[in-house]
Amino acid sequence: MRELRIRTLALAFVAVGLLAWAGARLWQAFGSLPGVPAAAPYVLALIAVALLAGALSLRARLKAQRERQPGAKGVDPLLATRAVVFAQASALVAAPVAGLYAGVGVFLLEYLEIPARRDQALTAGFAALAGVAVVAAALFLQHVCRLPEDDDEGVRPGTAGS
């Protein structure tokens, strides 16, 4: 499984953010922009907390296992694989979603004098920050579950040695 790169996620964030900003301007020109869901920042923050809790738990268990502490509970490789898949999927979804809310939030900055739009801009901003927190927690979980390099023989994982 390949590691996610920050560059890929940042590109998705920026590209979707620009498209969302342009789309919001176009939508506003033809009618009224729909509201930003009030639950968005809470849902994204909950996912970020779940990812961070999983990463901290796995890190503690892996450390105890490495140090051979008595009574250390091992980590099932399938559990670690599922955690990485969940982290990568979360990051791949959260980066463009955060970009979407950031783009809409930047558009709404023009309408801060309208109380309803100001509230939507704040909600969009918090949702974008929570989306970035999901990406950060997912990358941390991916880092925790990374296998150590096999430097003894100079063989990379997944390749045959000579």
N, C-alpha and C. Protein backbone atom coordinates (compact mmCIF):
# COMPACT_ATOMS: atom_id res chain seq x y z
N MET A 1 0.86 -1.16 0.00
CA MET A 1 0.00 0.00 0.00
C MET A 1 0.91 1.24 0.00
N ARG A 2 0.60 2.19 -0.84
CA ARG A 2 1.42 3.39 -0.94
C ARG A 2 0.94 4.45 0.05
N GLU A 3 1.89 5.20 0.56
CA GLU A 3 1.55 6.29 1.49
C GLU A 3 0.94 7.45 0.72
N LEU A 4 -0.01 8.11 1.36
CA LEU A 4 -0.56 9.34 0.79
C LEU A 4 0.48 10.44 0.91
N ARG A 5 0.51 11.29 -0.04
CA ARG A 5 1.45 12.42 -0.01
C ARG A 5 0.68 13.69 0.29
N ILE A 6 1.30 14.54 1.08
CA ILE A 6 0.68 15.82 1.44
C ILE A 6 0.45 16.65 0.18
N ARG A 7 1.35 16.55 -0.76
CA ARG A 7 1.24 17.32 -2.00
C ARG A 7 -0.05 16.98 -2.75
N THR A 8 -0.40 15.71 -2.80
CA THR A 8 -1.62 15.28 -3.47
C THR A 8 -2.86 15.82 -2.77
N LEU A 9 -2.85 15.74 -1.45
CA LEU A 9 -3.99 16.24 -0.68
C LEU A 9 -4.10 17.76 -0.77
N ALA A 10 -2.97 18.45 -0.75
CA ALA A 10 -2.98 19.91 -0.87
C ALA A 10 -3.50 20.33 -2.24
N LEU A 11 -3.11 19.60 -3.27
CA LEU A 11 -3.59 19.90 -4.62
C LEU A 11 -5.11 19.73 -4.70
N ALA A 12 -5.62 18.66 -4.11
CA ALA A 12 -7.07 18.44 -4.10
C ALA A 12 -7.77 19.56 -3.34
N PHE A 13 -7.20 19.97 -2.19
CA PHE A 13 -7.77 21.05 -1.38
C PHE A 13 -7.85 22.34 -2.20
N VAL A 14 -6.75 22.72 -2.83
CA VAL A 14 -6.70 23.99 -3.57
C VAL A 14 -7.59 23.93 -4.81
N ALA A 15 -7.53 22.83 -5.56
CA ALA A 15 -8.33 22.73 -6.79
C ALA A 15 -9.83 22.80 -6.48
N VAL A 16 -10.27 22.04 -5.50
CA VAL A 16 -11.69 22.06 -5.16
C VAL A 16 -12.07 23.40 -4.54
N GLY A 17 -11.17 23.99 -3.76
CA GLY A 17 -11.44 25.31 -3.19
C GLY A 17 -11.66 26.37 -4.26
N LEU A 18 -10.82 26.36 -5.28
CA LEU A 18 -10.99 27.32 -6.38
C LEU A 18 -12.28 27.06 -7.15
N LEU A 19 -12.57 25.79 -7.40
CA LEU A 19 -13.82 25.46 -8.09
C LEU A 19 -15.04 25.85 -7.25
N ALA A 20 -14.97 25.64 -5.94
CA ALA A 20 -16.09 26.00 -5.07
C ALA A 20 -16.29 27.51 -5.04
N TRP A 21 -15.19 28.25 -4.98
CA TRP A 21 -15.29 29.72 -4.98
C TRP A 21 -15.93 30.20 -6.29
N ALA A 22 -15.45 29.67 -7.41
CA ALA A 22 -16.00 30.07 -8.71
C ALA A 22 -17.46 29.62 -8.84
N GLY A 23 -17.74 28.41 -8.39
CA GLY A 23 -19.11 27.91 -8.43
C GLY A 23 -20.06 28.72 -7.56
N ALA A 24 -19.58 29.14 -6.40
CA ALA A 24 -20.42 29.96 -5.51
C ALA A 24 -20.71 31.31 -6.14
N ARG A 25 -19.72 31.89 -6.80
CA ARG A 25 -19.94 33.18 -7.49
C ARG A 25 -20.96 33.01 -8.61
N LEU A 26 -20.83 31.93 -9.36
CA LEU A 26 -21.76 31.68 -10.45
C LEU A 26 -23.16 31.42 -9.91
N TRP A 27 -23.25 30.62 -8.86
CA TRP A 27 -24.55 30.28 -8.28
C TRP A 27 -25.23 31.55 -7.75
N GLN A 28 -24.47 32.40 -7.10
CA GLN A 28 -25.02 33.65 -6.55
C GLN A 28 -25.50 34.57 -7.67
N ALA A 29 -24.85 34.51 -8.83
CA ALA A 29 -25.26 35.35 -9.96
C ALA A 29 -26.62 34.92 -10.51
N PHE A 30 -26.95 33.64 -10.40
CA PHE A 30 -28.21 33.14 -10.95
C PHE A 30 -29.29 32.94 -9.90
N GLY A 31 -28.98 33.13 -8.65
CA GLY A 31 -29.96 32.94 -7.58
C GLY A 31 -29.27 33.08 -6.24
N SER A 32 -29.81 32.41 -5.27
CA SER A 32 -29.25 32.49 -3.93
C SER A 32 -28.49 31.22 -3.61
N LEU A 33 -27.28 31.40 -3.11
CA LEU A 33 -26.43 30.28 -2.72
C LEU A 33 -27.07 29.52 -1.56
N PRO A 34 -27.15 28.18 -1.64
CA PRO A 34 -27.73 27.43 -0.52
C PRO A 34 -26.85 27.56 0.72
N GLY A 35 -27.45 27.30 1.86
CA GLY A 35 -26.73 27.43 3.12
C GLY A 35 -25.70 26.34 3.34
N VAL A 36 -24.77 26.62 4.23
CA VAL A 36 -23.75 25.65 4.63
C VAL A 36 -24.33 24.81 5.76
N PRO A 37 -24.25 23.47 5.68
CA PRO A 37 -24.82 22.64 6.74
C PRO A 37 -24.17 22.93 8.10
N ALA A 38 -24.99 23.14 9.09
CA ALA A 38 -24.48 23.49 10.42
C ALA A 38 -23.75 22.32 11.08
N ALA A 39 -24.06 21.09 10.69
CA ALA A 39 -23.44 19.92 11.31
C ALA A 39 -22.08 19.59 10.71
N ALA A 40 -21.72 20.18 9.59
CA ALA A 40 -20.47 19.83 8.89
C ALA A 40 -19.23 19.91 9.78
N PRO A 41 -19.00 21.01 10.51
CA PRO A 41 -17.78 21.05 11.32
C PRO A 41 -17.78 20.00 12.43
N TYR A 42 -18.96 19.70 12.97
CA TYR A 42 -19.04 18.72 14.06
C TYR A 42 -18.75 17.31 13.56
N VAL A 43 -19.28 16.97 12.40
CA VAL A 43 -19.05 15.63 11.85
C VAL A 43 -17.57 15.46 11.50
N LEU A 44 -16.99 16.46 10.86
CA LEU A 44 -15.58 16.37 10.51
C LEU A 44 -14.69 16.32 11.75
N ALA A 45 -15.03 17.10 12.76
CA ALA A 45 -14.24 17.08 14.00
C ALA A 45 -14.36 15.72 14.69
N LEU A 46 -15.52 15.11 14.65
CA LEU A 46 -15.71 13.79 15.24
C LEU A 46 -14.85 12.75 14.53
N ILE A 47 -14.78 12.82 13.21
CA ILE A 47 -13.92 11.90 12.45
C ILE A 47 -12.46 12.14 12.80
N ALA A 48 -12.06 13.41 12.94
CA ALA A 48 -10.67 13.72 13.30
C ALA A 48 -10.32 13.16 14.68
N VAL A 49 -11.24 13.29 15.62
CA VAL A 49 -11.01 12.76 16.97
C VAL A 49 -10.89 11.24 16.93
N ALA A 50 -11.75 10.58 16.14
CA ALA A 50 -11.69 9.12 16.04
C ALA A 50 -10.36 8.67 15.44
N LEU A 51 -9.91 9.35 14.41
CA LEU A 51 -8.62 9.01 13.80
C LEU A 51 -7.47 9.24 14.77
N LEU A 52 -7.50 10.35 15.48
CA LEU A 52 -6.44 10.65 16.43
C LEU A 52 -6.43 9.65 17.58
N ALA A 53 -7.60 9.30 18.08
CA ALA A 53 -7.68 8.32 19.18
C ALA A 53 -7.15 6.96 18.71
N GLY A 54 -7.50 6.57 17.51
CA GLY A 54 -6.98 5.31 16.97
C GLY A 54 -5.47 5.34 16.81
N ALA A 55 -4.96 6.45 16.33
CA ALA A 55 -3.51 6.57 16.14
C ALA A 55 -2.77 6.52 17.47
N LEU A 56 -3.28 7.23 18.47
CA LEU A 56 -2.61 7.23 19.77
C LEU A 56 -2.68 5.85 20.43
N SER A 57 -3.80 5.17 20.28
CA SER A 57 -3.94 3.83 20.84
C SER A 57 -2.98 2.85 20.17
N LEU A 58 -2.96 2.87 18.85
CA LEU A 58 -2.06 1.97 18.13
C LEU A 58 -0.60 2.30 18.41
N ARG A 59 -0.27 3.56 18.52
CA ARG A 59 1.11 3.94 18.81
C ARG A 59 1.54 3.42 20.17
N ALA A 60 0.67 3.54 21.17
CA ALA A 60 1.00 3.05 22.51
C ALA A 60 1.16 1.52 22.51
N ARG A 61 0.26 0.84 21.81
CA ARG A 61 0.35 -0.62 21.75
C ARG A 61 1.59 -1.08 21.00
N LEU A 62 1.93 -0.41 19.91
CA LEU A 62 3.13 -0.78 19.17
C LEU A 62 4.40 -0.50 19.97
N LYS A 63 4.40 0.59 20.71
CA LYS A 63 5.56 0.91 21.55
C LYS A 63 5.73 -0.14 22.65
N ALA A 64 4.64 -0.51 23.29
CA ALA A 64 4.70 -1.54 24.34
C ALA A 64 5.17 -2.87 23.77
N GLN A 65 4.72 -3.16 22.57
CA GLN A 65 5.12 -4.41 21.93
C GLN A 65 6.60 -4.38 21.56
N ARG A 66 7.09 -3.26 21.03
CA ARG A 66 8.51 -3.11 20.67
C ARG A 66 9.41 -3.23 21.89
N GLU A 67 8.98 -2.62 23.00
CA GLU A 67 9.79 -2.63 24.23
C GLU A 67 9.60 -3.92 25.02
N ARG A 68 8.76 -4.81 24.51
CA ARG A 68 8.50 -6.10 25.14
C ARG A 68 8.08 -5.97 26.60
N GLN A 69 7.15 -5.05 26.82
CA GLN A 69 6.62 -4.86 28.17
C GLN A 69 5.75 -6.05 28.53
N PRO A 70 5.84 -6.50 29.80
CA PRO A 70 5.01 -7.65 30.20
C PRO A 70 3.53 -7.29 30.09
N GLY A 71 2.77 -8.22 29.53
CA GLY A 71 1.34 -8.01 29.39
C GLY A 71 0.97 -7.10 28.23
N ALA A 72 1.95 -6.77 27.38
CA ALA A 72 1.67 -5.89 26.23
C ALA A 72 0.74 -6.60 25.26
N LYS A 73 -0.28 -5.91 24.87
CA LYS A 73 -1.25 -6.45 23.93
C LYS A 73 -0.75 -6.17 22.51
N GLY A 74 -0.56 -7.22 21.72
CA GLY A 74 -0.05 -7.07 20.36
C GLY A 74 -1.06 -6.41 19.44
N VAL A 75 -0.57 -6.02 18.28
CA VAL A 75 -1.42 -5.38 17.28
C VAL A 75 -1.60 -6.36 16.12
N ASP A 76 -2.83 -6.69 15.84
CA ASP A 76 -3.15 -7.56 14.73
C ASP A 76 -2.82 -6.83 13.43
N PRO A 77 -2.04 -7.44 12.53
CA PRO A 77 -1.69 -6.76 11.28
C PRO A 77 -2.92 -6.37 10.44
N LEU A 78 -3.97 -7.18 10.50
CA LEU A 78 -5.17 -6.84 9.75
C LEU A 78 -5.84 -5.59 10.33
N LEU A 79 -5.80 -5.44 11.65
CA LEU A 79 -6.34 -4.23 12.29
C LEU A 79 -5.56 -2.99 11.84
N ALA A 80 -4.24 -3.12 11.82
CA ALA A 80 -3.41 -1.99 11.39
C ALA A 80 -3.69 -1.65 9.92
N THR A 81 -3.86 -2.67 9.10
CA THR A 81 -4.16 -2.43 7.69
C THR A 81 -5.50 -1.73 7.52
N ARG A 82 -6.49 -2.17 8.27
CA ARG A 82 -7.81 -1.51 8.20
C ARG A 82 -7.72 -0.06 8.68
N ALA A 83 -6.92 0.17 9.70
CA ALA A 83 -6.76 1.54 10.21
C ALA A 83 -6.14 2.43 9.15
N VAL A 84 -5.15 1.92 8.45
CA VAL A 84 -4.50 2.71 7.40
C VAL A 84 -5.46 2.97 6.24
N VAL A 85 -6.24 1.97 5.88
CA VAL A 85 -7.22 2.15 4.79
C VAL A 85 -8.25 3.20 5.20
N PHE A 86 -8.73 3.13 6.45
CA PHE A 86 -9.68 4.14 6.94
C PHE A 86 -9.04 5.53 6.94
N ALA A 87 -7.79 5.61 7.36
CA ALA A 87 -7.10 6.90 7.40
C ALA A 87 -6.95 7.47 6.00
N GLN A 88 -6.52 6.64 5.06
CA GLN A 88 -6.32 7.13 3.70
C GLN A 88 -7.63 7.53 3.05
N ALA A 89 -8.66 6.74 3.25
CA ALA A 89 -9.96 7.10 2.68
C ALA A 89 -10.48 8.40 3.29
N SER A 90 -10.30 8.54 4.59
CA SER A 90 -10.75 9.77 5.27
C SER A 90 -10.01 10.99 4.73
N ALA A 91 -8.70 10.85 4.55
CA ALA A 91 -7.90 11.98 4.05
C ALA A 91 -8.27 12.32 2.61
N LEU A 92 -8.49 11.29 1.79
CA LEU A 92 -8.83 11.53 0.39
C LEU A 92 -10.20 12.18 0.23
N VAL A 93 -11.08 11.98 1.18
CA VAL A 93 -12.38 12.63 1.13
C VAL A 93 -12.33 14.00 1.83
N ALA A 94 -11.64 14.07 2.95
CA ALA A 94 -11.63 15.29 3.75
C ALA A 94 -10.89 16.44 3.06
N ALA A 95 -9.85 16.15 2.31
CA ALA A 95 -9.09 17.23 1.65
C ALA A 95 -9.97 18.01 0.67
N PRO A 96 -10.67 17.35 -0.27
CA PRO A 96 -11.55 18.13 -1.15
C PRO A 96 -12.75 18.74 -0.43
N VAL A 97 -13.27 18.05 0.59
CA VAL A 97 -14.40 18.61 1.34
C VAL A 97 -13.95 19.88 2.06
N ALA A 98 -12.78 19.84 2.66
CA ALA A 98 -12.25 21.04 3.31
C ALA A 98 -12.03 22.16 2.30
N GLY A 99 -11.54 21.80 1.11
CA GLY A 99 -11.38 22.79 0.05
C GLY A 99 -12.70 23.38 -0.38
N LEU A 100 -13.73 22.55 -0.45
CA LEU A 100 -15.07 23.03 -0.80
C LEU A 100 -15.54 24.07 0.21
N TYR A 101 -15.45 23.74 1.50
CA TYR A 101 -15.90 24.68 2.51
C TYR A 101 -15.01 25.92 2.57
N ALA A 102 -13.73 25.76 2.32
CA ALA A 102 -12.83 26.93 2.30
C ALA A 102 -13.20 27.85 1.15
N GLY A 103 -13.46 27.28 -0.02
CA GLY A 103 -13.84 28.10 -1.18
C GLY A 103 -15.15 28.84 -0.96
N VAL A 104 -16.13 28.15 -0.40
CA VAL A 104 -17.41 28.80 -0.11
C VAL A 104 -17.22 29.86 0.98
N GLY A 105 -16.40 29.55 1.98
CA GLY A 105 -16.14 30.51 3.06
C GLY A 105 -15.47 31.78 2.54
N VAL A 106 -14.52 31.62 1.63
CA VAL A 106 -13.85 32.80 1.05
C VAL A 106 -14.85 33.61 0.25
N PHE A 107 -15.72 32.96 -0.49
CA PHE A 107 -16.75 33.69 -1.22
C PHE A 107 -17.66 34.46 -0.27
N LEU A 108 -18.04 33.83 0.83
CA LEU A 108 -18.96 34.46 1.78
C LEU A 108 -18.33 35.63 2.54
N LEU A 109 -17.03 35.78 2.47
CA LEU A 109 -16.38 36.92 3.13
C LEU A 109 -16.86 38.26 2.56
N GLU A 110 -17.35 38.24 1.32
CA GLU A 110 -17.87 39.46 0.70
C GLU A 110 -19.19 39.90 1.33
N TYR A 111 -19.86 39.00 2.04
CA TYR A 111 -21.21 39.26 2.55
C TYR A 111 -21.25 39.23 4.08
N LEU A 112 -20.20 39.64 4.74
CA LEU A 112 -20.16 39.57 6.20
C LEU A 112 -21.12 40.54 6.87
N GLU A 113 -21.59 41.55 6.16
CA GLU A 113 -22.53 42.51 6.77
C GLU A 113 -23.93 41.90 6.92
N ILE A 114 -24.20 40.82 6.20
CA ILE A 114 -25.48 40.12 6.33
C ILE A 114 -25.32 39.04 7.40
N PRO A 115 -26.08 39.12 8.50
CA PRO A 115 -25.88 38.18 9.61
C PRO A 115 -25.96 36.70 9.23
N ALA A 116 -26.90 36.34 8.37
CA ALA A 116 -27.03 34.93 7.98
C ALA A 116 -25.80 34.46 7.21
N ARG A 117 -25.30 35.30 6.32
CA ARG A 117 -24.10 34.95 5.54
C ARG A 117 -22.86 34.93 6.43
N ARG A 118 -22.81 35.80 7.43
CA ARG A 118 -21.68 35.80 8.37
C ARG A 118 -21.64 34.48 9.14
N ASP A 119 -22.82 34.01 9.57
CA ASP A 119 -22.88 32.73 10.28
C ASP A 119 -22.47 31.58 9.36
N GLN A 120 -22.89 31.64 8.10
CA GLN A 120 -22.50 30.61 7.15
C GLN A 120 -20.99 30.65 6.87
N ALA A 121 -20.44 31.84 6.81
CA ALA A 121 -18.99 31.97 6.59
C ALA A 121 -18.22 31.35 7.77
N LEU A 122 -18.69 31.60 8.99
CA LEU A 122 -18.04 31.00 10.16
C LEU A 122 -18.16 29.48 10.15
N THR A 123 -19.35 28.99 9.82
CA THR A 123 -19.56 27.55 9.75
C THR A 123 -18.67 26.93 8.68
N ALA A 124 -18.58 27.56 7.53
CA ALA A 124 -17.73 27.06 6.45
C ALA A 124 -16.26 27.09 6.87
N GLY A 125 -15.86 28.14 7.56
CA GLY A 125 -14.47 28.22 8.03
C GLY A 125 -14.14 27.13 9.04
N PHE A 126 -15.05 26.91 9.98
CA PHE A 126 -14.82 25.85 10.96
C PHE A 126 -14.84 24.47 10.30
N ALA A 127 -15.69 24.28 9.31
CA ALA A 127 -15.73 23.00 8.59
C ALA A 127 -14.43 22.78 7.83
N ALA A 128 -13.89 23.84 7.23
CA ALA A 128 -12.62 23.72 6.52
C ALA A 128 -11.49 23.36 7.50
N LEU A 129 -11.47 24.02 8.66
CA LEU A 129 -10.46 23.69 9.67
C LEU A 129 -10.61 22.26 10.18
N ALA A 130 -11.83 21.83 10.39
CA ALA A 130 -12.07 20.46 10.85
C ALA A 130 -11.65 19.46 9.77
N GLY A 131 -11.87 19.79 8.51
CA GLY A 131 -11.42 18.94 7.42
C GLY A 131 -9.90 18.82 7.37
N VAL A 132 -9.22 19.92 7.61
CA VAL A 132 -7.76 19.89 7.67
C VAL A 132 -7.31 19.05 8.87
N ALA A 133 -8.05 19.12 9.98
CA ALA A 133 -7.72 18.29 11.14
C ALA A 133 -7.90 16.81 10.82
N VAL A 134 -8.91 16.46 10.04
CA VAL A 134 -9.09 15.07 9.62
C VAL A 134 -7.88 14.61 8.80
N VAL A 135 -7.44 15.44 7.88
CA VAL A 135 -6.28 15.09 7.05
C VAL A 135 -5.04 14.92 7.93
N ALA A 136 -4.82 15.83 8.86
CA ALA A 136 -3.65 15.74 9.74
C ALA A 136 -3.70 14.47 10.60
N ALA A 137 -4.86 14.18 11.17
CA ALA A 137 -4.99 12.97 11.99
C ALA A 137 -4.82 11.72 11.15
N ALA A 138 -5.33 11.74 9.93
CA ALA A 138 -5.19 10.58 9.05
C ALA A 138 -3.73 10.35 8.67
N LEU A 139 -3.02 11.41 8.37
CA LEU A 139 -1.60 11.27 8.05
C LEU A 139 -0.80 10.78 9.25
N PHE A 140 -1.18 11.22 10.45
CA PHE A 140 -0.51 10.75 11.67
C PHE A 140 -0.78 9.25 11.87
N LEU A 141 -2.02 8.82 11.68
CA LEU A 141 -2.35 7.40 11.81
C LEU A 141 -1.60 6.57 10.78
N GLN A 142 -1.50 7.07 9.56
CA GLN A 142 -0.74 6.39 8.52
C GLN A 142 0.72 6.27 8.93
N HIS A 143 1.27 7.32 9.52
CA HIS A 143 2.67 7.31 9.97
C HIS A 143 2.88 6.30 11.09
N VAL A 144 1.93 6.22 12.02
CA VAL A 144 2.04 5.29 13.14
C VAL A 144 2.06 3.85 12.64
N CYS A 145 1.28 3.55 11.63
CA CYS A 145 1.16 2.18 11.13
C CYS A 145 2.19 1.82 10.07
N ARG A 146 3.11 2.72 9.78
CA ARG A 146 4.12 2.45 8.76
C ARG A 146 5.07 1.37 9.22
N LEU A 147 5.42 0.47 8.32
CA LEU A 147 6.36 -0.59 8.65
C LEU A 147 7.78 -0.03 8.64
N PRO A 148 8.63 -0.52 9.54
CA PRO A 148 10.02 -0.05 9.52
C PRO A 148 10.72 -0.53 8.25
N GLU A 149 11.65 0.27 7.78
CA GLU A 149 12.42 -0.09 6.59
C GLU A 149 13.34 -1.27 6.91
N ASP A 150 13.56 -2.12 5.93
CA ASP A 150 14.45 -3.26 6.07
C ASP A 150 15.81 -2.86 5.52
N ASP A 151 16.62 -2.18 6.35
CA ASP A 151 17.91 -1.66 5.90
C ASP A 151 19.04 -2.68 5.99
N ASP A 152 18.82 -3.81 6.68
CA ASP A 152 19.89 -4.78 6.88
C ASP A 152 20.37 -5.37 5.56
N GLU A 153 19.46 -5.71 4.67
CA GLU A 153 19.83 -6.36 3.43
C GLU A 153 19.72 -5.44 2.23
N GLY A 154 19.24 -4.21 2.43
CA GLY A 154 19.07 -3.28 1.32
C GLY A 154 17.92 -3.67 0.41
N VAL A 155 17.00 -4.45 0.93
CA VAL A 155 15.85 -4.89 0.15
C VAL A 155 14.64 -4.07 0.57
N ARG A 156 13.95 -3.50 -0.43
CA ARG A 156 12.73 -2.76 -0.14
C ARG A 156 11.58 -3.73 0.01
N PRO A 157 10.61 -3.41 0.88
CA PRO A 157 9.45 -4.30 1.02
C PRO A 157 8.74 -4.47 -0.31
N GLY A 158 8.38 -5.72 -0.62
CA GLY A 158 7.65 -6.00 -1.85
C GLY A 158 8.55 -6.29 -3.03
N THR A 159 9.88 -6.25 -2.84
CA THR A 159 10.79 -6.58 -3.94
C THR A 159 11.62 -7.78 -3.54
N ALA A 160 12.10 -8.50 -4.50
CA ALA A 160 12.89 -9.68 -4.23
C ALA A 160 14.35 -9.30 -4.06
N GLY A 161 15.00 -9.96 -3.13
CA GLY A 161 16.43 -9.72 -2.90
C GLY A 161 17.26 -10.53 -3.88
N SER A 162 18.56 -10.17 -4.05
CA SER A 162 19.38 -10.92 -4.99
C SER A 162 20.36 -11.80 -4.28
